[in-house]
């Protein structure tokens, strides 16, 4: 009988959560849901020197925003906690002592200066089976001297004693068989001088105690897996070892190298789920949420950053992803970060989202700009605009003229499309629109068509003028639907004021 699937997302609270972290969380979540298992959040905060206040809260908020809700974790409950490693400190010493007692680890008393001197002597220095005999540790010192140092409270670390001349083999679910030569491995520190475990010891101990069945993480952790396998063996847990799956890197947009947080700043693209305000502008970043991406669009986009369903289908809800996901379809090669594809997904999700679901986003934008409108009006506005926006702020940026006076006119197009001598003719159209009753898109369309027949005007002469006077630009939704939403009074007002303004533009010298 196979064991119950339990997976964990285990970020370190050292700053904003990179989008690659969301991809890792997503794949863990999908794997758990597909298998009827449990998705766990564990905060790996053993490195207190790198701890950043607010980072854990950021991680939790990002998971909630994307809908990747853990069943267990800080603030989520669960009976395998605590789920912060800093709160499990007392657990790890026991296992470090077990490694020592059974000859799989040793005390190392080397100071920072000792290690610096070793590296200066040998630029390729590695604390391993070849060099451990030259250093200050319990393998090179008499037992009495070691005891004296420990009794005197001298600082030490506990290092893993990596065996020589062995091959460590794992079966990675994504990469297949992976082999490691132990002669190329260093003796990793297991317990630091402050009593806190390193990532390696804490990771293995916690995975065992939390009954993690599958470890799904980024490929940057693949080189560490040999040490983890050795730890499972030395601690007597070899038969309880989880399966391993190492995800491909997320690459820069040009495909050259791993996507970094600095690439976001350099290229002006989001690489974090949420915005992060650091101590300096250089450490502050705009997130996908604040850029105007919908969470379900981001999730769909991220799912395809290294995985595909084996079909041509691209649009998946989170629930559909849970059903379709398989590690068999995760690629070994890196996935290029394509912001244009992310925008395409977002546009598709905006288009297909019910207008009512978008009202709240638009109301927030209106409030931020000091204007308001009824839900009914916003609902109609969203229906007009949603096929013309890519990110949510564009509802306001491209459609603010529905809520306030036109701020700027396209003078170049006015000069191209407006003829001052046609003003009297267009005022006939205004008079006809004033008398239209009821005033809606169908009636407006009939009035304009009747005007063009009566005056012998062509659509290419009339429609651009209407669009420019009503919106200030040649971009925008259907003119007649625009007229209906603006209402008769606003349409007449803009037409009457627009003709005079257009004359001024045409008479003004071109700059």
Protein backbone atom coordinates (compact mmCIF):
# COMPACT_ATOMS: atom_id res chain seq x y z
CA UNK A 1 0.00 0.00 0.00
CA UNK A 2 1.48 3.36 -1.02
CA UNK A 3 1.93 6.02 1.63
CA UNK A 4 -0.24 9.11 1.68
CA UNK A 5 1.10 11.98 -0.39
CA UNK A 6 2.41 14.84 1.74
CA UNK A 7 4.37 17.64 0.06
CA UNK A 8 5.79 20.87 1.39
CA UNK A 9 6.64 24.31 0.13
CA UNK A 10 9.54 25.44 2.29
CA UNK A 11 10.67 29.01 1.55
CA UNK A 12 13.13 31.04 3.59
CA UNK A 13 11.88 34.43 4.86
CA UNK A 14 14.80 36.39 3.45
CA UNK A 15 12.85 38.92 1.39
CA UNK A 16 10.23 38.98 -1.33
CA UNK A 17 9.19 35.61 -2.74
CA UNK A 18 10.50 35.30 -6.29
CA UNK A 19 8.04 34.13 -8.94
CA UNK A 20 10.01 30.88 -9.15
CA UNK A 21 8.93 30.21 -5.59
CA UNK A 22 5.30 30.53 -6.63
CA UNK A 23 5.95 28.04 -9.44
CA UNK A 24 7.44 25.60 -6.91
CA UNK A 25 4.50 26.10 -4.56
CA UNK A 26 2.09 25.62 -7.47
CA UNK A 27 3.59 22.31 -8.59
CA UNK A 28 3.58 21.01 -5.02
CA UNK A 29 -0.04 22.12 -4.63
CA UNK A 30 -1.12 20.52 -7.92
CA UNK A 31 0.68 17.27 -7.14
CA UNK A 32 -0.97 17.10 -3.72
CA UNK A 33 -4.46 17.80 -5.05
CA UNK A 34 -4.08 15.36 -7.94
CA UNK A 35 -3.02 12.67 -5.47
CA UNK A 36 -5.57 13.45 -2.77
CA UNK A 37 -2.68 14.46 -0.54
CA UNK A 38 -1.69 17.33 1.75
CA UNK A 39 0.05 20.60 0.84
CA UNK A 40 2.17 21.99 3.69
CA UNK A 41 3.85 25.36 4.22
CA UNK A 42 7.07 25.24 6.24
CA UNK A 43 9.09 28.37 6.98
CA UNK A 44 12.81 27.59 6.87
CA UNK A 45 14.21 30.39 9.01
CA UNK A 46 17.30 28.74 10.46
CA UNK A 47 19.56 31.41 8.96
CA UNK A 48 18.72 34.21 11.36
CA UNK A 49 21.34 36.51 9.82
CA UNK A 50 19.34 36.63 6.60
CA UNK A 51 15.90 36.84 8.20
CA UNK A 52 13.88 39.81 6.92
CA UNK A 53 10.91 41.11 8.96
CA UNK A 54 7.68 40.89 7.01
CA UNK A 55 8.93 38.22 4.63
CA UNK A 56 6.88 35.41 6.17
CA UNK A 57 3.73 37.52 6.01
CA UNK A 58 4.54 38.27 2.38
CA UNK A 59 4.84 34.55 1.59
CA UNK A 60 1.49 33.76 3.20
CA UNK A 61 -0.23 36.66 1.44
CA UNK A 62 1.20 35.57 -1.92
CA UNK A 63 -0.07 32.03 -1.44
CA UNK A 64 -3.51 33.25 -0.45
CA UNK A 65 -3.68 35.66 -3.40
CA UNK A 66 -2.83 32.90 -5.87
CA UNK A 67 -5.26 30.48 -4.22
CA UNK A 68 -2.53 28.01 -3.17
CA UNK A 69 -3.82 27.52 0.36
CA UNK A 70 -1.88 25.07 2.55
CA UNK A 71 -3.68 22.53 4.70
CA UNK A 72 -0.89 22.76 7.28
CA UNK A 73 1.53 25.51 8.19
CA UNK A 74 1.94 28.66 10.33
CA UNK A 75 -1.54 30.04 10.77
CA UNK A 76 -3.13 27.12 8.91
CA UNK A 77 -3.10 24.44 11.60
CA UNK A 78 -1.80 20.89 11.42
CA UNK A 79 -0.49 18.35 13.94
CA UNK A 80 3.11 18.06 12.70
CA UNK A 81 4.24 21.52 13.82
CA UNK A 82 5.73 23.82 14.74
CA UNK A 83 6.06 24.76 11.09
CA UNK A 84 8.76 27.40 11.62
CA UNK A 85 12.18 25.83 11.92
CA UNK A 86 13.29 28.46 14.44
CA UNK A 87 10.63 27.06 16.76
CA UNK A 88 12.00 23.52 16.31
CA UNK A 89 15.57 24.35 17.31
CA UNK A 90 15.69 21.89 20.22
CA UNK A 91 14.82 18.99 17.90
CA UNK A 92 17.86 19.17 15.69
CA UNK A 93 20.59 18.82 18.30
CA UNK A 94 19.39 15.29 19.10
CA UNK A 95 19.94 14.19 15.52
CA UNK A 96 23.29 15.95 15.26
CA UNK A 97 24.39 14.02 18.38
CA UNK A 98 23.21 10.77 16.81
CA UNK A 99 25.38 11.47 13.78
CA UNK A 100 28.34 12.19 16.09
CA UNK A 101 27.83 9.13 18.24
CA UNK A 102 27.69 6.82 15.24
CA UNK A 103 30.76 8.29 13.56
CA UNK A 104 28.92 10.05 10.73
CA UNK A 105 29.78 13.57 11.89
CA UNK A 106 32.50 15.38 13.80
CA UNK A 107 33.20 18.56 15.74
CA UNK A 108 35.09 21.26 13.82
CA UNK A 109 36.75 24.07 15.77
CA UNK A 110 38.15 26.00 12.79
CA UNK A 111 37.73 29.76 13.18
CA UNK A 112 36.75 32.11 10.41
CA UNK A 113 40.42 33.12 10.17
CA UNK A 114 41.45 29.46 9.84
CA UNK A 115 39.05 28.95 6.96
CA UNK A 116 40.15 32.19 5.29
CA UNK A 117 43.80 31.13 5.54
CA UNK A 118 42.97 27.72 4.04
CA UNK A 119 41.24 29.38 1.10
CA UNK A 120 44.11 31.79 0.56
CA UNK A 121 46.52 28.89 0.51
CA UNK A 122 44.32 26.92 -1.87
CA UNK A 123 41.79 28.91 -3.96
CA UNK A 124 39.99 25.61 -4.67
CA UNK A 125 39.84 24.65 -0.99
CA UNK A 126 36.93 22.43 -0.03
CA UNK A 127 36.39 21.07 3.46
CA UNK A 128 36.17 17.42 2.41
CA UNK A 129 37.68 13.99 2.98
CA UNK A 130 40.99 15.15 1.53
CA UNK A 131 41.29 18.34 3.59
CA UNK A 132 39.57 17.46 6.86
CA UNK A 133 42.82 15.88 8.10
CA UNK A 134 44.57 19.26 7.87
CA UNK A 135 41.99 21.17 9.88
CA UNK A 136 41.07 21.64 13.56
CA UNK A 137 38.45 19.01 14.25
CA UNK A 138 37.69 15.99 16.38
CA UNK A 139 39.13 13.72 13.70
CA UNK A 140 42.59 15.31 13.97
CA UNK A 141 42.68 16.16 17.70
CA UNK A 142 43.14 13.84 20.67
CA UNK A 143 39.87 13.06 22.42
CA UNK A 144 41.07 14.78 25.61
CA UNK A 145 41.75 18.03 23.75
CA UNK A 146 38.34 17.87 22.12
CA UNK A 147 36.70 17.37 25.52
CA UNK A 148 38.60 20.35 26.95
CA UNK A 149 37.47 22.59 24.12
CA UNK A 150 33.87 21.51 24.54
CA UNK A 151 33.99 21.97 28.34
CA UNK A 152 35.56 25.40 27.88
CA UNK A 153 32.64 26.42 25.66
CA UNK A 154 34.79 27.02 22.58
CA UNK A 155 32.82 27.66 19.42
CA UNK A 156 32.37 24.73 17.10
CA UNK A 157 30.25 23.43 14.27
CA UNK A 158 29.24 19.87 13.55
CA UNK A 159 30.14 18.65 10.08
CA UNK A 160 28.86 15.64 8.18
CA UNK A 161 31.57 13.04 7.57
CA UNK A 162 31.05 12.25 3.91
CA UNK A 163 32.39 8.77 3.05
CA UNK A 164 35.06 8.34 0.40
CA UNK A 165 34.85 6.42 -2.85
CA UNK A 166 31.10 5.93 -2.98
CA UNK A 167 28.44 6.68 -5.55
CA UNK A 168 25.16 8.10 -4.31
CA UNK A 169 22.28 7.37 -6.68
CA UNK A 170 18.80 8.87 -6.73
CA UNK A 171 15.87 8.31 -9.06
CA UNK A 172 14.58 11.77 -9.80
CA UNK A 173 11.00 11.77 -11.09
CA UNK A 174 11.89 14.47 -13.63
CA UNK A 175 15.55 13.80 -14.42
CA UNK A 176 15.72 10.05 -14.05
CA UNK A 177 18.80 8.49 -12.51
CA UNK A 178 21.27 10.97 -11.05
CA UNK A 179 24.64 9.88 -9.65
CA UNK A 180 26.98 11.69 -7.27
CA UNK A 181 30.61 10.83 -6.52
CA UNK A 182 31.17 11.31 -2.78
CA UNK A 183 34.80 12.28 -3.45
CA UNK A 184 33.44 15.48 -4.98
CA UNK A 185 31.27 16.36 -1.98
CA UNK A 186 32.29 18.60 0.89
CA UNK A 187 31.65 17.91 4.58
CA UNK A 188 28.62 20.18 4.99
CA UNK A 189 28.02 21.89 8.31
CA UNK A 190 25.02 20.31 10.03
CA UNK A 191 24.85 22.37 13.22
CA UNK A 192 26.15 25.94 13.40
CA UNK A 193 28.02 27.53 16.27
CA UNK A 194 24.83 29.23 17.49
CA UNK A 195 23.14 25.86 17.85
CA UNK A 196 20.91 26.37 14.83
CA UNK A 197 20.88 23.66 12.18
CA UNK A 198 21.84 24.36 8.60
CA UNK A 199 19.35 23.89 5.82
CA UNK A 200 20.58 20.36 5.18
CA UNK A 201 20.01 18.86 8.63
CA UNK A 202 16.80 20.76 9.34
CA UNK A 203 15.41 19.93 5.91
CA UNK A 204 15.91 16.19 6.28
CA UNK A 205 14.80 16.00 9.90
CA UNK A 206 11.66 18.03 9.24
CA UNK A 207 10.77 16.12 6.09
CA UNK A 208 11.03 12.88 8.08
CA UNK A 209 9.07 14.11 11.10
CA UNK A 210 6.41 15.76 8.93
CA UNK A 211 6.14 12.53 6.92
CA UNK A 212 6.89 14.21 3.60
CA UNK A 213 6.42 11.69 0.81
CA UNK A 214 7.66 13.75 -2.16
CA UNK A 215 10.18 16.57 -2.34
CA UNK A 216 9.46 18.85 -5.31
CA UNK A 217 11.89 21.76 -5.50
CA UNK A 218 14.05 23.82 -7.83
CA UNK A 219 17.02 22.28 -9.61
CA UNK A 220 19.42 24.53 -7.69
CA UNK A 221 18.94 22.07 -4.81
CA UNK A 222 19.91 19.03 -6.87
CA UNK A 223 23.62 19.16 -5.86
CA UNK A 224 22.59 19.09 -2.18
CA UNK A 225 20.52 15.95 -2.61
CA UNK A 226 23.52 13.64 -2.23
CA UNK A 227 24.10 14.99 1.28
CA UNK A 228 20.42 14.55 2.07
CA UNK A 229 20.46 10.94 0.89
CA UNK A 230 23.49 10.30 3.11
CA UNK A 231 21.68 11.86 6.05
CA UNK A 232 18.68 9.60 5.52
CA UNK A 233 21.02 6.61 5.53
CA UNK A 234 23.05 7.71 8.57
CA UNK A 235 19.93 8.49 10.59
CA UNK A 236 18.42 5.11 9.79
CA UNK A 237 15.64 6.48 7.61
CA UNK A 238 16.74 5.19 4.23
CA UNK A 239 13.53 3.23 3.79
CA UNK A 240 11.45 6.31 4.63
CA UNK A 241 13.22 8.63 2.21
CA UNK A 242 10.87 10.74 0.05
CA UNK A 243 10.99 10.73 -3.72
CA UNK A 244 12.77 13.66 -5.35
CA UNK A 245 11.72 15.88 -8.25
CA UNK A 246 13.90 18.81 -9.26
CA UNK A 247 12.16 21.47 -11.33
CA UNK A 248 13.79 23.27 -14.26
CA UNK A 249 15.10 26.79 -13.87
CA UNK A 250 13.07 29.80 -14.93
CA UNK A 251 15.29 31.60 -17.41
CA UNK A 252 15.66 35.25 -18.34
CA UNK A 253 13.46 36.45 -21.23
CA UNK A 254 16.37 36.01 -23.65
CA UNK A 255 16.97 32.48 -22.34
CA UNK A 256 20.48 33.25 -21.10
CA UNK A 257 20.72 32.37 -17.43
CA UNK A 258 18.42 32.18 -14.45
CA UNK A 259 15.79 34.90 -14.02
CA UNK A 260 16.80 37.14 -11.12
CA UNK A 261 15.03 39.85 -9.17
CA UNK A 262 17.36 42.38 -10.76
CA UNK A 263 16.12 41.36 -14.20
CA UNK A 264 12.72 42.71 -13.22
CA UNK A 265 14.18 46.12 -12.46
CA UNK A 266 16.41 46.08 -15.53
CA UNK A 267 13.65 45.08 -17.94
CA UNK A 268 10.74 46.83 -16.23
CA UNK A 269 8.79 43.62 -15.72
CA UNK A 270 7.37 42.02 -12.56
CA UNK A 271 9.20 38.96 -11.23
CA UNK A 272 7.42 38.83 -7.87
CA UNK A 273 3.79 37.93 -7.16
CA UNK A 274 3.22 40.99 -4.94
CA UNK A 275 5.03 44.28 -4.58
CA UNK A 276 7.78 44.46 -1.97
CA UNK A 277 9.04 47.61 -0.32
CA UNK A 278 12.64 47.17 0.79
CA UNK A 279 14.87 49.50 2.73
CA UNK A 280 16.12 51.09 -0.50
CA UNK A 281 14.59 51.72 -3.93
CA UNK A 282 16.98 49.10 -5.32
CA UNK A 283 15.45 46.51 -3.00
CA UNK A 284 11.84 47.49 -3.77
CA UNK A 285 9.93 45.70 -6.50
CA UNK A 286 6.53 45.86 -8.18
CA UNK A 287 4.51 42.66 -8.18
CA UNK A 288 2.20 41.01 -10.68
CA UNK A 289 -0.81 41.90 -8.51
CA UNK A 290 0.03 45.60 -8.48
CA UNK A 291 0.83 45.56 -12.20
CA UNK A 292 -2.78 44.49 -12.75
CA UNK A 293 -2.58 40.75 -13.27
CA UNK A 294 -5.38 38.46 -12.15
CA UNK A 295 -4.21 35.68 -9.82
CA UNK A 296 -5.79 32.90 -11.88
CA UNK A 297 -4.08 34.22 -15.02
CA UNK A 298 -0.71 34.22 -13.25
CA UNK A 299 -1.29 30.67 -11.99
CA UNK A 300 -2.16 29.46 -15.50
CA UNK A 301 0.91 31.19 -16.91
CA UNK A 302 3.22 29.80 -14.23
CA UNK A 303 1.89 26.26 -14.68
CA UNK A 304 3.19 26.31 -18.25
CA UNK A 305 6.64 27.48 -17.16
CA UNK A 306 8.13 24.01 -17.30
CA UNK A 307 5.02 21.82 -17.69
CA UNK A 308 2.54 21.10 -20.45
CA UNK A 309 -0.57 18.92 -20.53
CA UNK A 310 0.46 17.06 -23.65
CA UNK A 311 -2.32 18.76 -25.64
CA UNK A 312 -2.79 22.06 -27.46
CA UNK A 313 -5.00 23.39 -24.67
CA UNK A 314 -3.63 26.44 -22.85
CA UNK A 315 -6.43 27.76 -20.67
CA UNK A 316 -6.78 25.95 -17.35
CA UNK A 317 -8.51 26.90 -14.13
CA UNK A 318 -6.72 25.92 -10.93
CA UNK A 319 -9.14 23.02 -10.55
CA UNK A 320 -8.48 21.87 -14.12
CA UNK A 321 -4.74 22.10 -13.52
CA UNK A 322 -5.13 19.86 -10.48
CA UNK A 323 -6.79 17.24 -12.67
CA UNK A 324 -4.33 17.52 -15.55
CA UNK A 325 -1.02 17.90 -13.70
CA UNK A 326 1.62 15.21 -13.85
CA UNK A 327 5.33 15.30 -13.07
CA UNK A 328 5.80 13.15 -16.18
CA UNK A 329 5.10 16.25 -18.27
CA UNK A 330 7.53 18.54 -16.43
CA UNK A 331 10.50 19.43 -18.62
CA UNK A 332 14.15 18.92 -17.67
CA UNK A 333 15.25 22.04 -19.55
CA UNK A 334 14.85 25.61 -18.35
CA UNK A 335 11.70 27.58 -19.12
CA UNK A 336 12.10 31.05 -20.64
CA UNK A 337 10.16 33.79 -18.84
CA UNK A 338 7.93 35.34 -21.49
CA UNK A 339 6.18 38.46 -20.15
CA UNK A 340 4.22 38.82 -23.39
CA UNK A 341 2.75 35.37 -22.82
CA UNK A 342 1.88 36.36 -19.27
CA UNK A 343 0.06 39.41 -20.62
CA UNK A 344 -1.76 37.26 -23.17
CA UNK A 345 -3.01 35.02 -20.40
CA UNK A 346 -4.12 38.01 -18.37
CA UNK A 347 -6.00 39.48 -21.31
CA UNK A 348 -7.77 36.19 -21.91
CA UNK A 349 -8.80 35.93 -18.29
CA UNK A 350 -10.09 39.51 -18.25
CA UNK A 351 -12.10 38.87 -21.42
CA UNK A 352 -13.65 35.69 -20.06
CA UNK A 353 -14.31 36.93 -16.54
CA UNK A 354 -17.86 37.90 -15.67
CA UNK A 355 -18.29 41.68 -15.68
CA UNK A 356 -19.51 41.60 -12.08
CA UNK A 357 -16.21 40.07 -10.95
CA UNK A 358 -14.29 43.01 -12.45
CA UNK A 359 -16.38 45.78 -10.88
CA UNK A 360 -14.37 45.77 -7.66
CA UNK A 361 -11.07 46.25 -9.48
CA UNK A 362 -12.44 49.22 -11.44
CA UNK A 363 -14.00 50.79 -8.33
CA UNK A 364 -10.59 50.71 -6.65
CA UNK A 365 -9.07 52.51 -9.63
CA UNK A 366 -11.82 55.14 -9.61
CA UNK A 367 -11.40 55.71 -5.88
CA UNK A 368 -7.64 56.11 -6.34
CA UNK A 369 -8.38 58.86 -8.88
CA UNK A 370 -11.02 60.60 -6.81
CA UNK A 371 -14.07 59.66 -8.87
CA UNK A 372 -16.97 57.29 -8.42
CA UNK A 373 -19.80 55.71 -10.38
CA UNK A 374 -22.66 53.33 -9.81
CA UNK A 375 -22.10 49.58 -10.02
CA UNK A 376 -24.54 49.49 -12.95
CA UNK A 377 -22.53 52.07 -14.88
CA UNK A 378 -19.23 50.32 -14.10
CA UNK A 379 -20.73 47.00 -15.17
CA UNK A 380 -21.58 48.42 -18.60
CA UNK A 381 -18.20 50.13 -18.80
CA UNK A 382 -16.38 46.86 -18.11
CA UNK A 383 -18.38 45.14 -20.84
CA UNK A 384 -17.30 47.83 -23.30
CA UNK A 385 -13.62 47.88 -22.34
CA UNK A 386 -12.52 44.45 -21.21
CA UNK A 387 -11.51 43.23 -24.66
CA UNK A 388 -9.28 46.27 -24.99
CA UNK A 389 -7.24 45.98 -21.81
CA UNK A 390 -4.31 43.71 -21.04
CA UNK A 391 -3.76 44.57 -17.36
CA UNK A 392 -6.34 45.93 -14.93
CA UNK A 393 -5.01 49.53 -14.63
CA UNK A 394 -5.75 49.97 -18.32
CA UNK A 395 -9.46 50.13 -17.53
CA UNK A 396 -8.73 53.58 -16.12
CA UNK A 397 -5.80 54.47 -18.35
CA UNK A 398 -7.73 53.72 -21.54
CA UNK A 399 -11.22 54.61 -20.37
CA UNK A 400 -10.96 57.50 -17.91
CA UNK A 401 -13.01 59.68 -20.29
CA UNK A 402 -16.09 57.70 -19.28
CA UNK A 403 -15.76 59.11 -15.75
CA UNK A 404 -14.27 62.60 -16.20
CA UNK A 405 -13.64 65.24 -18.80
CA UNK A 406 -11.24 64.35 -21.57
CA UNK A 407 -7.75 65.16 -20.34
CA UNK A 408 -5.90 65.10 -23.65
CA UNK A 409 -6.82 65.07 -27.33
CA UNK A 410 -4.90 63.46 -30.17
CA UNK A 411 -4.04 66.68 -32.01
CA UNK A 412 -2.35 64.87 -34.88
CA UNK A 413 -5.50 62.88 -35.64
CA UNK A 414 -7.69 65.96 -35.24
CA UNK A 415 -5.71 67.77 -37.94
CA UNK A 416 -6.00 64.71 -40.13
CA UNK A 417 -9.70 64.02 -39.65
CA UNK A 418 -11.35 67.39 -38.97
CA UNK A 419 -12.24 70.02 -41.55
CA UNK A 420 -13.35 73.34 -39.97
CA UNK A 421 -15.65 74.03 -42.90
CA UNK A 422 -17.71 70.95 -42.00
CA UNK A 423 -18.70 72.33 -38.57
CA UNK A 424 -22.16 73.52 -39.67
CA UNK A 425 -22.90 70.14 -41.18
CA UNK A 426 -21.89 68.34 -37.96
CA UNK A 427 -24.06 70.66 -35.90
CA UNK A 428 -27.02 69.25 -37.83
CA UNK A 429 -26.00 65.85 -36.47
CA UNK A 430 -25.89 67.24 -32.94
CA UNK A 431 -29.42 68.59 -33.35
CA UNK A 432 -30.63 65.20 -34.58
CA UNK A 433 -29.01 63.44 -31.63
CA UNK A 434 -30.65 65.91 -29.22
CA UNK A 435 -34.04 64.85 -30.55
CA UNK A 436 -33.28 61.12 -30.37
CA UNK A 437 -35.64 59.34 -27.99
CA UNK A 438 -34.89 56.87 -26.54
CA UNK A 439 -31.15 57.40 -26.65
CA UNK A 440 -29.29 54.13 -27.04
CA UNK A 441 -26.74 52.59 -29.38
CA UNK A 442 -29.32 51.39 -31.91
CA UNK A 443 -31.07 54.77 -32.14
CA UNK A 444 -27.74 56.64 -32.29
CA UNK A 445 -26.66 54.34 -35.11
CA UNK A 446 -29.87 55.09 -37.04
CA UNK A 447 -29.50 58.84 -36.49
CA UNK A 448 -25.88 58.85 -37.71
CA UNK A 449 -26.73 56.72 -40.74
CA UNK A 450 -29.61 59.04 -41.58
CA UNK A 451 -27.32 62.04 -41.27
CA UNK A 452 -24.74 60.50 -43.61
CA UNK A 453 -27.41 59.70 -46.21
CA UNK A 454 -28.89 63.18 -45.99
CA UNK A 455 -25.54 64.99 -46.30
CA UNK A 456 -23.80 62.53 -48.59
CA UNK A 457 -21.08 62.01 -45.99
CA UNK A 458 -19.01 58.85 -45.77
CA UNK A 459 -18.36 56.83 -42.64
CA UNK A 460 -14.63 57.62 -42.98
CA UNK A 461 -15.48 61.33 -42.56
CA UNK A 462 -18.00 61.04 -39.74
CA UNK A 463 -16.98 58.19 -37.46
CA UNK A 464 -13.44 59.43 -36.68
CA UNK A 465 -14.82 62.85 -35.74
CA UNK A 466 -17.37 61.27 -33.43
CA UNK A 467 -14.72 59.09 -31.79
CA UNK A 468 -12.28 61.97 -31.34
CA UNK A 469 -14.88 64.32 -29.84
CA UNK A 470 -16.22 61.66 -27.47
CA UNK A 471 -12.92 60.16 -26.27
CA UNK A 472 -10.05 62.37 -27.46
CA UNK A 473 -8.41 59.40 -29.18
CA UNK A 474 -8.90 57.06 -32.11
CA UNK A 475 -8.67 54.07 -29.76
CA UNK A 476 -11.67 52.70 -27.94
CA UNK A 477 -14.81 50.58 -28.06
CA UNK A 478 -17.70 50.75 -30.51
CA UNK A 479 -18.71 54.39 -30.94
CA UNK A 480 -22.46 53.79 -30.66
CA UNK A 481 -22.14 51.71 -27.49
CA UNK A 482 -19.86 54.43 -26.17
CA UNK A 483 -22.55 57.01 -26.89
CA UNK A 484 -25.19 54.97 -25.08
CA UNK A 485 -23.06 54.63 -21.94
CA UNK A 486 -22.04 58.30 -21.88
CA UNK A 487 -25.66 59.32 -22.29
CA UNK A 488 -27.28 61.94 -24.49
CA UNK A 489 -26.34 64.99 -22.41
CA UNK A 490 -22.65 64.10 -22.24
CA UNK A 491 -22.51 63.16 -25.94
CA UNK A 492 -24.13 66.46 -27.01
CA UNK A 493 -21.89 68.43 -24.67
CA UNK A 494 -18.70 66.85 -25.99
CA UNK A 495 -19.71 67.24 -29.60
CA UNK A 496 -20.63 70.91 -29.20
CA UNK A 497 -17.46 71.73 -27.28
CA UNK A 498 -15.31 69.53 -29.47
CA UNK A 499 -15.95 71.34 -32.74
CA UNK A 500 -14.62 74.62 -31.42
CA UNK A 501 -11.64 72.93 -29.84
CA UNK A 502 -10.88 71.10 -33.09
CA UNK A 503 -10.95 74.40 -34.99
CA UNK A 504 -8.40 75.82 -32.56
CA UNK A 505 -6.16 72.81 -33.06
CA UNK A 506 -6.32 73.09 -36.85
CA UNK A 507 -5.54 76.82 -36.71
CA UNK A 508 -2.63 76.36 -34.30
CA UNK A 509 0.88 76.17 -35.78
CA UNK A 510 2.27 72.63 -35.75
CA UNK A 511 5.06 72.37 -33.21
